Amino acid sequence: MIKLKRVYEPISVTDGERILVDRLWPRGIRHSTSNIDIWIKNVAPSKELRKWYSHDPKKWMRFKKRYKKELDGNTALNKLIRIVQSADPVTFLYAARDQRHNNAVVLLEVVKRMMKTKA
């Protein structure tokens, strides 16, 4: 099972392996007290795509398409899938305020699709 959660939400025993999937470390979170098990920043959108999107819901569909294209052939995505396959549950952590329009939502969709095709 893969869940999504804002990194600022309290930790839960049901989170399992907690994986930060943002390119930038979240503001106000100390590395030493973060309760983040793994940070896979290279699976996040590129700096250019992140800046272009700027969390604008009007750009959501174009962002999804561009981000999925970036994930094509991304070796960090393969690393993430191996972790997901070996741990249960897994929680993808993200910092964005918008819980419906962020990279973790797209990443979850891509990972689930890829795991179905590999099964």
Protein backbone atom coordinates (compact mmCIF):
# COMPACT_ATOMS: atom_id res chain seq x y z
CA MET A 1 0.00 0.00 0.00
CA ILE A 2 1.23 3.49 -0.90
CA LYS A 3 -0.10 6.56 0.84
CA LEU A 4 0.45 10.29 0.35
CA LYS A 5 0.99 12.68 3.21
CA ARG A 6 2.21 16.20 3.81
CA VAL A 7 5.57 16.10 5.52
CA TYR A 8 4.21 18.54 8.13
CA GLU A 9 1.50 16.12 9.31
CA PRO A 10 2.21 14.09 12.45
CA ILE A 11 3.97 10.77 11.99
CA SER A 12 1.82 7.66 12.34
CA VAL A 13 2.72 4.02 12.95
CA THR A 14 0.73 3.19 9.80
CA ASP A 15 3.05 5.32 7.61
CA GLY A 16 5.57 2.53 7.16
CA GLU A 17 8.60 3.61 5.08
CA ARG A 18 8.44 7.42 4.84
CA ILE A 19 9.91 8.68 1.55
CA LEU A 20 10.34 12.37 0.76
CA VAL A 21 9.67 12.84 -2.97
CA ASP A 22 10.38 16.58 -3.26
CA ARG A 23 13.50 18.07 -4.84
CA LEU A 24 13.91 20.64 -2.05
CA TRP A 25 14.11 19.89 1.64
CA PRO A 26 10.91 21.19 3.33
CA ARG A 27 11.11 24.49 5.16
CA GLY A 28 11.11 24.33 8.92
CA ILE A 29 11.94 20.61 9.06
CA ARG A 30 15.25 19.65 10.64
CA HIS A 31 17.13 16.77 9.08
CA SER A 32 17.87 15.35 12.52
CA THR A 33 14.24 15.26 13.68
CA SER A 34 12.39 14.77 10.40
CA ASN A 35 11.28 11.13 10.71
CA ILE A 36 11.96 10.80 6.98
CA ASP A 37 13.45 7.41 6.18
CA ILE A 38 14.56 8.12 2.60
CA TRP A 39 14.85 11.24 0.46
CA ILE A 40 14.73 10.57 -3.28
CA LYS A 41 14.98 14.09 -4.63
CA ASN A 42 15.85 13.07 -8.19
CA VAL A 43 12.40 11.58 -8.68
CA ALA A 44 10.86 15.02 -8.21
CA PRO A 45 10.14 17.43 -11.07
CA SER A 46 13.10 19.32 -12.48
CA LYS A 47 13.86 22.79 -11.17
CA GLU A 48 12.63 24.28 -14.46
CA LEU A 49 9.33 22.38 -14.41
CA ARG A 50 8.74 23.13 -10.74
CA LYS A 51 9.30 26.86 -11.31
CA TRP A 52 7.11 26.89 -14.43
CA TYR A 53 4.25 25.13 -12.63
CA SER A 54 4.47 27.29 -9.50
CA HIS A 55 1.59 25.31 -7.95
CA ASP A 56 -0.91 26.90 -10.33
CA PRO A 57 -3.92 24.54 -10.61
CA LYS A 58 -4.71 26.02 -14.05
CA LYS A 59 -1.46 24.43 -15.29
CA TRP A 60 -2.17 21.06 -13.62
CA MET A 61 -2.89 18.95 -16.71
CA ARG A 62 0.14 20.32 -18.59
CA PHE A 63 2.29 19.84 -15.48
CA LYS A 64 1.20 16.19 -15.20
CA LYS A 65 2.03 15.53 -18.83
CA ARG A 66 5.46 17.20 -18.60
CA TYR A 67 6.32 15.54 -15.30
CA LYS A 68 5.39 12.09 -16.61
CA LYS A 69 7.64 12.74 -19.60
CA GLU A 70 10.50 13.62 -17.22
CA LEU A 71 9.91 10.39 -15.30
CA ASP A 72 10.32 8.33 -18.46
CA GLY A 73 13.68 6.61 -18.08
CA ASN A 74 14.41 8.26 -14.72
CA THR A 75 16.70 5.92 -12.76
CA ALA A 76 15.52 7.41 -9.45
CA LEU A 77 12.00 6.20 -10.33
CA ASN A 78 13.34 2.64 -10.66
CA LYS A 79 14.98 2.97 -7.23
CA LEU A 80 11.68 4.19 -5.77
CA ILE A 81 9.77 1.27 -7.27
CA ARG A 82 12.26 -1.23 -5.79
CA ILE A 83 11.76 0.34 -2.36
CA VAL A 84 7.97 0.28 -2.72
CA GLN A 85 8.08 -3.38 -3.72
CA SER A 86 10.18 -4.30 -0.68
CA ALA A 87 8.34 -2.26 1.96
CA ASP A 88 4.69 -2.24 2.96
CA PRO A 89 3.23 0.22 3.68
CA VAL A 90 5.00 3.18 2.11
CA THR A 91 4.16 6.87 2.44
CA PHE A 92 5.24 9.44 -0.13
CA LEU A 93 5.88 12.72 1.68
CA TYR A 94 5.56 16.12 0.04
CA ALA A 95 5.58 19.73 1.26
CA ALA A 96 2.99 21.37 -1.04
CA ARG A 97 -0.12 22.83 0.56
CA ASP A 98 -2.37 21.67 -2.26
CA GLN A 99 -3.09 18.01 -1.57
CA ARG A 100 -4.63 17.32 -5.00
CA HIS A 101 -2.24 19.18 -7.31
CA ASN A 102 1.32 18.22 -6.45
CA ASN A 103 4.09 16.00 -7.78
CA ALA A 104 3.41 13.20 -5.26
CA VAL A 105 -0.08 12.71 -6.73
CA VAL A 106 1.39 12.23 -10.21
CA LEU A 107 4.20 10.06 -8.88
CA LEU A 108 1.76 7.76 -7.11
CA GLU A 109 -0.21 7.33 -10.34
CA VAL A 110 2.95 6.51 -12.32
CA VAL A 111 4.32 4.08 -9.71
CA LYS A 112 1.02 2.19 -9.46
CA ARG A 113 0.79 1.91 -13.25
CA MET A 114 4.38 0.70 -13.55
CA MET A 115 3.93 -1.88 -10.81
CA LYS A 116 0.85 -3.28 -12.55
CA THR A 117 2.74 -3.68 -15.82
CA LYS A 118 5.67 -5.40 -14.05
CA ALA A 119 3.37 -7.83 -12.19
